[in-house]
N, C-alpha and C. Protein backbone atom coordinates (compact mmCIF):
# COMPACT_ATOMS: atom_id res chain seq x y z
N MET A 1 102.67 105.71 142.00
CA MET A 1 103.77 106.75 142.44
C MET A 1 103.46 108.22 142.30
N ALA A 2 102.57 108.54 141.97
CA ALA A 2 102.29 109.99 142.15
C ALA A 2 101.81 110.67 143.72
N ALA A 3 101.34 109.47 143.91
CA ALA A 3 100.42 109.54 145.14
C ALA A 3 101.96 110.00 146.22
N GLY A 4 102.75 108.56 146.07
CA GLY A 4 103.73 108.68 147.02
C GLY A 4 104.81 109.46 146.94
N ALA A 5 105.00 110.31 145.82
CA ALA A 5 105.60 111.29 145.69
C ALA A 5 105.03 112.80 146.32
N ALA A 6 103.67 112.59 146.17
CA ALA A 6 103.35 113.94 146.69
C ALA A 6 103.39 113.70 148.33
N VAL A 7 103.59 112.67 148.85
CA VAL A 7 103.76 112.49 150.11
C VAL A 7 105.01 112.92 150.67
N VAL A 8 105.91 112.45 149.88
CA VAL A 8 107.24 113.04 149.76
C VAL A 8 107.78 114.24 150.01
N ALA A 9 106.69 114.69 149.25
CA ALA A 9 106.71 115.99 148.50
C ALA A 9 106.12 117.13 149.44
N THR A 10 105.02 116.94 150.57
CA THR A 10 104.40 117.64 151.26
C THR A 10 105.03 117.47 152.52
N THR A 11 106.23 116.61 152.55
CA THR A 11 106.78 116.32 154.18
C THR A 11 108.47 116.93 154.27
N GLY A 12 108.32 117.96 153.49
CA GLY A 12 109.65 118.44 153.73
C GLY A 12 110.70 117.71 153.82
N CYS A 13 111.86 118.45 154.40
CA CYS A 13 113.62 118.44 154.32
C CYS A 13 113.36 117.21 155.39
N GLY A 14 112.57 117.11 156.50
CA GLY A 14 112.53 116.09 157.54
C GLY A 14 111.99 114.63 157.02
N MET A 15 111.52 114.82 156.01
CA MET A 15 111.10 113.56 155.77
C MET A 15 109.45 113.27 156.49
N PHE A 16 109.50 113.40 157.38
CA PHE A 16 107.96 113.36 158.33
C PHE A 16 108.52 114.83 159.02
N THR A 17 107.58 115.72 158.90
CA THR A 17 107.63 116.82 159.93
C THR A 17 107.10 116.77 160.76
N PRO A 18 107.30 117.77 162.04
CA PRO A 18 106.75 117.85 162.79
C PRO A 18 104.81 117.80 162.63
N GLY A 19 104.36 118.79 162.01
CA GLY A 19 102.73 118.85 161.89
C GLY A 19 102.21 117.11 161.16
N LEU A 20 102.86 116.49 160.55
CA LEU A 20 102.60 115.52 159.97
C LEU A 20 102.72 113.92 161.42
N SER A 21 103.80 114.08 162.33
CA SER A 21 104.60 113.30 163.24
C SER A 21 104.92 113.99 164.36
N GLY A 22 104.81 115.00 164.86
CA GLY A 22 104.50 115.14 166.08
C GLY A 22 106.74 115.78 166.48
N GLU A 23 106.88 116.27 167.47
CA GLU A 23 108.17 116.26 167.51
C GLU A 23 109.08 115.18 167.58
N MET A 24 110.09 114.94 167.21
CA MET A 24 110.86 113.66 166.96
C MET A 24 112.35 113.89 167.22
N PRO A 25 112.76 113.15 168.10
CA PRO A 25 114.47 113.04 168.49
C PRO A 25 115.17 112.48 167.38
N ASP A 26 116.40 113.54 166.86
CA ASP A 26 117.46 112.74 166.08
C ASP A 26 118.32 112.37 166.83
N ASP A 27 117.62 111.05 167.97
CA ASP A 27 118.76 110.58 168.87
C ASP A 27 119.48 109.38 167.89
N ILE A 28 118.94 108.70 166.77
CA ILE A 28 120.03 107.50 165.92
C ILE A 28 121.06 108.72 165.44
N THR A 29 122.00 107.02 165.42
CA THR A 29 123.21 107.76 164.70
C THR A 29 123.10 106.96 163.24
N VAL A 30 123.14 107.51 162.34
CA VAL A 30 123.70 106.27 160.93
C VAL A 30 124.83 106.87 160.37
N THR A 31 125.51 105.52 160.32
CA THR A 31 126.72 105.26 159.54
C THR A 31 126.66 104.34 158.89
N SER A 32 127.44 104.22 157.70
CA SER A 32 128.19 103.26 156.87
C SER A 32 129.83 102.95 156.55
N PRO A 33 130.02 101.84 156.40
CA PRO A 33 131.64 101.73 156.39
C PRO A 33 131.92 102.34 154.78
N LEU A 34 131.15 102.43 153.94
CA LEU A 34 131.06 102.83 152.63
C LEU A 34 130.52 104.16 152.12
N LEU A 35 129.96 104.86 152.61
CA LEU A 35 129.79 106.16 152.46
C LEU A 35 130.03 107.03 153.74
N GLN A 36 130.43 108.18 153.18
CA GLN A 36 130.81 109.14 154.19
C GLN A 36 129.38 110.64 153.94
N GLU A 37 128.97 110.64 155.18
CA GLU A 37 128.37 112.07 155.20
C GLU A 37 129.19 112.88 154.22
N GLY A 38 127.52 113.67 153.62
CA GLY A 38 128.42 114.87 152.74
C GLY A 38 128.84 114.66 151.44
N GLN A 39 129.34 113.13 151.60
CA GLN A 39 130.39 113.17 149.97
C GLN A 39 129.50 112.24 149.24
N PRO A 40 130.02 112.03 147.97
CA PRO A 40 129.49 111.34 146.71
C PRO A 40 128.92 110.15 147.12
N LEU A 41 127.79 109.77 146.85
CA LEU A 41 127.38 108.59 146.71
C LEU A 41 128.11 107.58 145.60
N PRO A 42 128.86 106.48 146.23
CA PRO A 42 129.73 105.68 145.76
C PRO A 42 128.83 105.04 144.17
N GLU A 43 129.53 104.80 143.21
CA GLU A 43 128.85 104.75 141.53
C GLU A 43 128.30 103.14 141.74
N VAL A 44 128.72 102.50 142.72
CA VAL A 44 128.52 100.67 142.88
C VAL A 44 127.30 100.93 143.54
N TYR A 45 126.31 102.10 144.09
CA TYR A 45 124.81 102.27 144.37
C TYR A 45 124.10 102.97 143.71
N THR A 46 124.34 103.20 142.44
CA THR A 46 124.15 103.82 142.08
C THR A 46 123.72 103.53 140.33
N CYS A 47 122.54 103.94 139.42
CA CYS A 47 122.66 103.36 137.82
C CYS A 47 123.98 103.15 137.45
N GLU A 48 124.84 104.29 137.64
CA GLU A 48 126.40 104.20 136.75
C GLU A 48 126.98 102.65 136.89
N GLY A 49 126.97 102.33 138.23
CA GLY A 49 127.86 101.38 138.56
C GLY A 49 129.10 101.00 138.34
N VAL A 50 129.96 100.19 138.63
CA VAL A 50 131.29 100.06 138.35
C VAL A 50 131.54 98.37 137.77
N GLU A 51 132.57 98.32 137.06
CA GLU A 51 133.28 97.36 136.56
C GLU A 51 133.88 96.32 137.82
N ASN A 52 133.89 95.05 137.43
CA ASN A 52 134.54 93.83 138.70
C ASN A 52 135.61 93.77 138.03
N GLU A 53 135.99 92.87 138.12
CA GLU A 53 137.51 92.16 138.16
C GLU A 53 137.37 91.37 136.68
N GLU A 54 135.71 90.87 136.79
CA GLU A 54 135.58 90.06 135.46
C GLU A 54 135.30 90.98 134.36
N GLY A 55 135.40 92.31 134.65
CA GLY A 55 134.70 93.40 133.53
C GLY A 55 133.15 93.32 133.41
N GLU A 56 132.83 92.80 134.27
CA GLU A 56 130.97 92.72 134.26
C GLU A 56 130.58 94.40 135.05
N LYS A 57 129.53 94.66 134.82
CA LYS A 57 129.00 96.16 135.57
C LYS A 57 128.50 95.55 136.80
N ILE A 58 128.58 96.21 137.80
CA ILE A 58 127.52 95.83 138.93
C ILE A 58 127.29 97.37 138.90
N SER A 59 125.85 97.24 139.20
CA SER A 59 124.98 98.70 139.43
C SER A 59 123.63 98.56 140.48
N GLY A 60 123.43 99.28 141.25
CA GLY A 60 122.03 98.82 141.85
C GLY A 60 122.09 98.48 143.15
N VAL A 61 123.36 98.42 143.71
CA VAL A 61 123.39 97.58 144.98
C VAL A 61 123.24 98.56 146.24
N SER A 62 122.32 97.89 146.88
CA SER A 62 122.15 98.76 148.33
C SER A 62 123.17 98.81 149.51
N PRO A 63 123.75 100.01 149.69
CA PRO A 63 124.80 99.84 150.41
C PRO A 63 124.75 99.60 151.68
N PRO A 64 125.51 99.09 152.58
CA PRO A 64 125.50 98.73 154.04
C PRO A 64 125.52 99.92 155.00
N LEU A 65 124.68 99.62 156.10
CA LEU A 65 124.43 100.68 156.88
C LEU A 65 124.32 100.77 158.31
N ASN A 66 124.79 100.87 159.29
CA ASN A 66 124.89 100.95 160.48
C ASN A 66 124.09 102.13 160.96
N TRP A 67 123.59 101.70 162.42
CA TRP A 67 122.93 102.56 163.16
C TRP A 67 123.16 102.23 165.03
N SER A 68 123.16 103.06 165.32
CA SER A 68 123.31 103.05 167.11
C SER A 68 122.26 104.24 167.52
N GLY A 69 122.21 104.04 168.89
CA GLY A 69 120.87 105.17 169.43
C GLY A 69 119.45 104.64 169.62
N MET A 70 118.81 103.74 169.64
CA MET A 70 118.23 103.22 169.05
C MET A 70 117.04 103.30 170.81
N PRO A 71 115.73 104.29 170.82
CA PRO A 71 115.30 103.91 172.28
C PRO A 71 114.86 102.71 172.08
N GLU A 72 115.39 102.31 174.02
CA GLU A 72 115.21 100.97 174.45
C GLU A 72 113.39 100.44 173.87
N ASP A 73 112.59 101.40 174.12
CA ASP A 73 111.28 100.63 174.00
C ASP A 73 111.02 100.28 172.13
N ALA A 74 112.16 100.80 171.38
CA ALA A 74 111.15 100.87 170.19
C ALA A 74 110.85 99.03 169.87
N GLY A 75 109.82 99.17 169.07
CA GLY A 75 108.77 98.13 168.64
C GLY A 75 109.53 97.86 167.55
N SER A 76 110.16 98.49 166.87
CA SER A 76 110.73 97.90 165.31
C SER A 76 111.24 99.03 164.84
N THR A 77 112.13 98.73 163.64
CA THR A 77 112.54 99.88 162.79
C THR A 77 112.46 99.83 161.55
N ALA A 78 112.57 100.86 160.64
CA ALA A 78 112.12 101.18 159.21
C ALA A 78 113.55 101.98 158.98
N LEU A 79 113.65 101.99 157.50
CA LEU A 79 114.46 102.94 156.44
C LEU A 79 113.82 103.44 155.19
N VAL A 80 114.15 104.62 155.32
CA VAL A 80 113.42 105.00 154.18
C VAL A 80 114.68 105.98 153.44
N VAL A 81 115.01 105.87 151.84
CA VAL A 81 116.08 106.54 151.46
C VAL A 81 115.29 106.90 150.38
N ASP A 82 115.73 108.48 150.18
CA ASP A 82 115.09 109.71 149.09
C ASP A 82 116.10 110.61 148.83
N ASP A 83 115.42 111.23 147.71
CA ASP A 83 116.17 112.55 147.19
C ASP A 83 115.20 113.39 147.62
N PRO A 84 115.52 114.45 148.55
CA PRO A 84 114.53 115.33 148.77
C PRO A 84 114.25 116.30 147.56
N SER A 85 115.03 116.88 147.06
CA SER A 85 115.08 117.41 145.57
C SER A 85 114.14 116.88 144.60
N GLU A 86 114.18 115.77 144.47
CA GLU A 86 113.32 115.15 143.41
C GLU A 86 111.97 114.49 143.78
N ALA A 87 111.93 114.45 145.75
CA ALA A 87 110.75 114.02 145.88
C ALA A 87 110.70 112.69 145.53
N THR A 88 111.87 111.55 145.66
CA THR A 88 111.47 110.55 145.13
C THR A 88 112.65 109.81 146.04
N VAL A 89 111.72 108.61 146.43
CA VAL A 89 111.84 107.36 147.32
C VAL A 89 112.32 106.27 146.51
N PHE A 90 113.64 106.00 146.59
CA PHE A 90 114.14 104.83 146.04
C PHE A 90 114.13 103.47 146.72
N TRP A 91 113.87 103.11 148.44
CA TRP A 91 113.78 102.56 149.31
C TRP A 91 113.33 102.78 150.08
N VAL A 92 112.35 101.39 150.62
CA VAL A 92 112.01 101.66 152.26
C VAL A 92 111.97 100.35 152.75
N VAL A 93 112.17 100.23 153.74
CA VAL A 93 112.47 98.64 154.56
C VAL A 93 111.51 98.72 155.89
N HIS A 94 110.60 97.94 156.34
CA HIS A 94 110.40 98.40 157.25
C HIS A 94 109.86 96.96 158.26
N ASP A 95 109.98 97.04 159.39
CA ASP A 95 109.39 95.61 160.67
C ASP A 95 110.65 95.05 160.46
N LEU A 96 111.99 95.84 160.55
CA LEU A 96 113.13 95.51 160.97
C LEU A 96 113.02 95.07 162.32
N ASP A 97 113.89 94.34 162.94
CA ASP A 97 113.94 94.15 164.02
C ASP A 97 114.84 94.90 165.07
N PRO A 98 113.79 95.60 165.65
CA PRO A 98 114.40 96.99 166.84
C PRO A 98 116.04 96.67 167.14
N GLU A 99 116.32 95.07 167.15
CA GLU A 99 118.03 94.82 168.05
C GLU A 99 118.66 95.05 167.11
N LEU A 100 118.46 94.80 165.57
CA LEU A 100 119.40 95.27 164.61
C LEU A 100 119.93 95.95 164.53
N VAL A 101 121.28 96.32 164.25
CA VAL A 101 121.90 97.57 164.41
C VAL A 101 123.04 97.60 163.58
N GLU A 102 122.42 96.62 161.80
CA GLU A 102 123.17 96.80 160.62
C GLU A 102 121.97 96.55 159.50
N LEU A 103 122.37 97.03 158.61
CA LEU A 103 122.13 96.42 157.25
C LEU A 103 122.97 96.21 156.20
N ARG A 104 123.59 94.60 155.89
CA ARG A 104 124.54 94.38 154.84
C ARG A 104 124.28 94.91 153.76
N GLN A 105 125.38 95.00 152.67
CA GLN A 105 125.58 95.50 151.44
C GLN A 105 124.22 94.27 150.77
N ASN A 106 123.26 95.31 149.97
CA ASN A 106 122.56 94.44 149.33
C ASN A 106 121.37 93.03 149.91
N THR A 107 120.94 93.50 151.03
CA THR A 107 120.50 92.74 151.19
C THR A 107 119.13 92.97 152.22
N VAL A 108 118.23 92.34 152.28
CA VAL A 108 117.07 92.41 153.08
C VAL A 108 116.93 91.56 154.08
N PRO A 109 117.37 91.88 155.61
CA PRO A 109 117.28 90.49 157.13
C PRO A 109 115.60 90.14 156.60
N THR A 110 115.87 88.86 156.99
CA THR A 110 114.83 87.98 157.42
C THR A 110 113.65 88.70 158.04
N GLY A 111 112.23 88.60 157.83
CA GLY A 111 110.92 88.88 158.55
C GLY A 111 110.75 90.52 158.46
N ALA A 112 112.28 91.17 157.22
CA ALA A 112 111.70 92.63 156.90
C ALA A 112 111.10 92.54 155.91
N LYS A 113 110.26 93.39 155.61
CA LYS A 113 109.66 93.65 154.34
C LYS A 113 110.10 95.06 153.08
N GLN A 114 109.75 94.71 152.34
CA GLN A 114 109.77 96.04 151.15
C GLN A 114 108.94 96.91 150.71
N ALA A 115 108.69 98.12 151.28
CA ALA A 115 107.09 98.81 150.44
C ALA A 115 107.97 99.24 148.89
N GLU A 116 106.71 99.47 148.28
CA GLU A 116 106.93 100.29 146.61
C GLU A 116 108.21 101.56 147.24
N ASN A 117 108.61 101.96 146.09
CA ASN A 117 109.18 103.05 145.69
C ASN A 117 108.20 103.89 145.08
N SER A 118 108.81 104.76 144.46
CA SER A 118 108.52 106.17 144.03
C SER A 118 108.81 105.27 142.09
N ALA A 119 109.42 104.12 142.03
CA ALA A 119 109.57 103.57 141.16
C ALA A 119 108.04 102.67 140.53
N GLY A 120 107.19 102.33 141.87
CA GLY A 120 106.49 101.03 142.13
C GLY A 120 106.99 100.12 142.47
N THR A 121 108.13 99.65 142.76
CA THR A 121 108.72 98.59 142.72
C THR A 121 109.19 98.15 144.12
N ALA A 122 109.00 97.39 145.09
CA ALA A 122 109.37 96.74 146.31
C ALA A 122 110.94 96.47 146.32
N GLU A 123 111.80 97.21 146.14
CA GLU A 123 113.06 97.00 146.18
C GLU A 123 113.90 98.34 145.80
N TYR A 124 115.20 98.33 146.20
CA TYR A 124 116.32 98.96 145.98
C TYR A 124 116.65 99.62 145.00
N THR A 125 115.76 100.92 144.00
CA THR A 125 115.96 101.31 143.06
C THR A 125 117.32 102.43 143.01
N ALA A 126 118.32 101.88 142.53
CA ALA A 126 119.49 102.89 142.55
C ALA A 126 119.12 104.25 141.82
N PRO A 127 119.60 105.88 142.89
CA PRO A 127 119.76 106.87 142.03
C PRO A 127 120.57 106.95 140.73
N CYS A 128 119.53 107.85 140.01
CA CYS A 128 120.48 107.94 138.72
C CYS A 128 119.99 109.49 138.52
N PRO A 129 120.45 110.33 138.59
CA PRO A 129 120.94 111.41 138.20
C PRO A 129 121.11 112.20 136.78
N GLU A 130 120.15 112.91 136.54
CA GLU A 130 120.42 113.02 135.37
C GLU A 130 121.28 115.00 135.27
N GLY A 131 122.24 115.09 134.05
CA GLY A 131 122.89 116.07 134.40
C GLY A 131 123.69 116.28 135.43
N ASP A 132 123.80 117.87 135.61
CA ASP A 132 124.53 118.69 136.88
C ASP A 132 123.98 119.23 137.91
N ALA A 133 122.46 119.09 138.10
CA ALA A 133 122.08 119.13 138.92
C ALA A 133 121.94 118.41 140.67
N PHE A 134 122.20 119.49 141.62
CA PHE A 134 122.80 118.79 143.04
C PHE A 134 121.93 118.08 143.42
N HIS A 135 121.89 117.10 144.18
CA HIS A 135 121.16 115.86 144.49
C HIS A 135 121.61 115.34 145.70
N GLU A 136 120.81 115.22 146.76
CA GLU A 136 120.92 114.73 148.20
C GLU A 136 120.28 113.54 148.10
N TYR A 137 121.30 112.68 148.89
CA TYR A 137 120.71 111.38 149.36
C TYR A 137 120.06 110.89 150.93
N ARG A 138 119.16 110.77 151.03
CA ARG A 138 119.32 110.48 152.46
C ARG A 138 118.67 109.00 152.98
N PHE A 139 119.69 108.82 153.72
CA PHE A 139 119.32 107.39 154.59
C PHE A 139 118.64 107.34 155.90
N THR A 140 117.54 107.52 155.99
CA THR A 140 116.80 107.65 157.41
C THR A 140 116.39 106.28 158.26
N VAL A 141 117.08 106.50 159.04
CA VAL A 141 116.70 104.96 159.67
C VAL A 141 115.59 105.73 161.12
N TYR A 142 114.44 104.83 160.92
CA TYR A 142 113.12 105.33 162.09
C TYR A 142 112.77 104.48 162.99
N ALA A 143 113.02 105.19 164.40
CA ALA A 143 112.39 103.59 165.55
C ALA A 143 111.35 104.01 165.59
N LEU A 144 110.56 102.69 165.60
CA LEU A 144 108.80 102.87 165.99
C LEU A 144 108.64 102.25 166.99
N HIS A 145 107.18 102.66 167.21
CA HIS A 145 106.76 102.05 168.78
C HIS A 145 106.21 100.86 168.74
N GLU A 146 105.96 100.67 167.19
CA GLU A 146 105.27 98.54 166.81
C GLU A 146 106.04 99.02 165.51
N GLY A 147 106.16 97.43 164.98
CA GLY A 147 105.99 97.39 163.70
C GLY A 147 105.13 97.64 162.79
N LEU A 148 105.04 97.47 161.80
CA LEU A 148 103.92 98.34 160.58
C LEU A 148 102.62 97.23 160.36
N GLY A 149 102.72 96.28 159.95
CA GLY A 149 102.02 94.98 160.14
C GLY A 149 101.11 95.18 158.55
N LEU A 150 102.08 95.71 157.90
CA LEU A 150 101.54 95.47 156.17
C LEU A 150 102.91 95.02 155.55
N PRO A 151 101.90 94.04 154.23
CA PRO A 151 102.63 93.22 153.24
C PRO A 151 103.95 93.99 152.82
N ASP A 152 104.47 93.06 152.19
CA ASP A 152 105.77 93.29 151.41
C ASP A 152 105.23 93.53 150.30
N GLY A 153 105.71 94.91 149.31
CA GLY A 153 105.27 95.72 148.53
C GLY A 153 103.63 96.58 148.82
N ALA A 154 103.83 96.48 149.80
CA ALA A 154 102.89 97.89 150.10
C ALA A 154 102.60 99.19 149.59
N PRO A 155 101.70 99.98 149.28
CA PRO A 155 101.98 101.12 148.58
C PRO A 155 102.75 101.87 149.25
N LEU A 156 103.43 102.98 148.67
CA LEU A 156 104.27 103.86 149.16
C LEU A 156 103.93 104.69 149.88
N GLU A 157 102.85 105.50 149.82
CA GLU A 157 101.80 106.57 150.81
C GLU A 157 101.47 105.72 151.88
N THR A 158 101.08 104.73 152.01
CA THR A 158 100.43 103.76 152.91
C THR A 158 101.44 103.94 153.67
N THR A 159 102.65 103.23 153.42
CA THR A 159 103.51 102.73 154.28
C THR A 159 104.56 103.94 154.96
N LEU A 160 104.91 105.20 153.77
CA LEU A 160 105.15 106.51 154.38
C LEU A 160 104.06 106.83 155.91
N GLU A 161 103.02 106.79 155.60
CA GLU A 161 102.11 107.38 156.61
C GLU A 161 102.04 106.49 157.49
N ALA A 162 102.22 105.40 157.66
CA ALA A 162 102.10 104.19 158.83
C ALA A 162 103.62 104.43 159.49
N ILE A 163 104.35 104.83 158.91
CA ILE A 163 106.04 105.10 159.36
C ILE A 163 105.40 106.14 160.41
N SER A 164 105.38 107.51 159.51
CA SER A 164 105.29 109.04 160.33
C SER A 164 103.97 108.71 161.41
N GLU A 165 103.16 107.66 161.65
CA GLU A 165 102.44 107.93 162.63
C GLU A 165 103.02 106.60 163.90
N ARG A 166 104.08 106.35 163.92
CA ARG A 166 104.52 105.18 164.48
C ARG A 166 106.02 105.69 164.95
N ALA A 167 106.87 106.73 164.16
CA ALA A 167 108.00 107.15 164.37
C ALA A 167 108.48 107.73 165.99
N VAL A 168 109.05 107.35 166.81
CA VAL A 168 109.32 107.93 167.63
C VAL A 168 110.77 108.54 167.87
N ALA A 169 111.69 108.30 167.31
CA ALA A 169 113.11 108.98 167.11
C ALA A 169 113.61 108.39 165.45
N ARG A 170 114.81 109.29 165.06
CA ARG A 170 115.50 109.10 163.68
C ARG A 170 116.73 109.80 163.87
N GLY A 171 117.36 108.95 162.65
CA GLY A 171 118.84 109.33 162.26
C GLY A 171 118.94 109.66 161.25
N THR A 172 119.68 110.47 160.23
CA THR A 172 119.86 110.26 158.90
C THR A 172 121.39 110.23 158.59
N LEU A 173 121.77 109.67 157.11
CA LEU A 173 123.18 109.82 156.79
C LEU A 173 122.78 110.17 155.33
N VAL A 174 123.71 111.68 154.95
CA VAL A 174 123.02 112.45 153.71
C VAL A 174 124.90 111.67 153.11
N THR A 175 124.34 111.94 151.78
CA THR A 175 124.86 111.53 150.72
C THR A 175 124.74 112.84 149.55
N GLU A 176 125.55 112.73 148.66
CA GLU A 176 125.24 113.09 147.06
C GLU A 176 125.57 112.93 146.36
N ASN A 177 125.36 113.28 144.78
CA ASN A 177 125.88 112.62 143.67
C ASN A 177 126.95 113.56 143.98
N GLY A 178 128.14 112.99 142.68
CA GLY A 178 129.68 113.06 142.19
C GLY A 178 129.49 113.85 141.37
């Protein structure tokens, strides 16, 4: 966990800085039918959760995402969800099919793999901000020149380094805590 946090902390606000991965265009547009740029992350995608019609609490659901503008020669895609103010990674999905243009709510597509996050689990871990401190949540899609070839549950630091080495373009949707 500490090693992964160190990688995020040293990579700055762009997750992977030019010094680590070279110049990288922000050609990918990341959107969501349920998230809005610069707006609060809906509670269903946080540890707060919401009650459904039966009164059950639903929380920690990964949000749906869409993207466009992938380079034609992309060999793979990766998604990193993080909070730069806390140097925390909530989710890493890699080896996504480069033809894929969306991620449905609370799903991981067939063939894709999840790496460990800052909590040490290979899954979406919902943001859970404490107090009134401001937090940004970045949903960054990376076009990679090739897949990572790492297994499910690969260590966070190893996975972030592999993404950095293969990334050719990116795009980010940023939300915040409410």
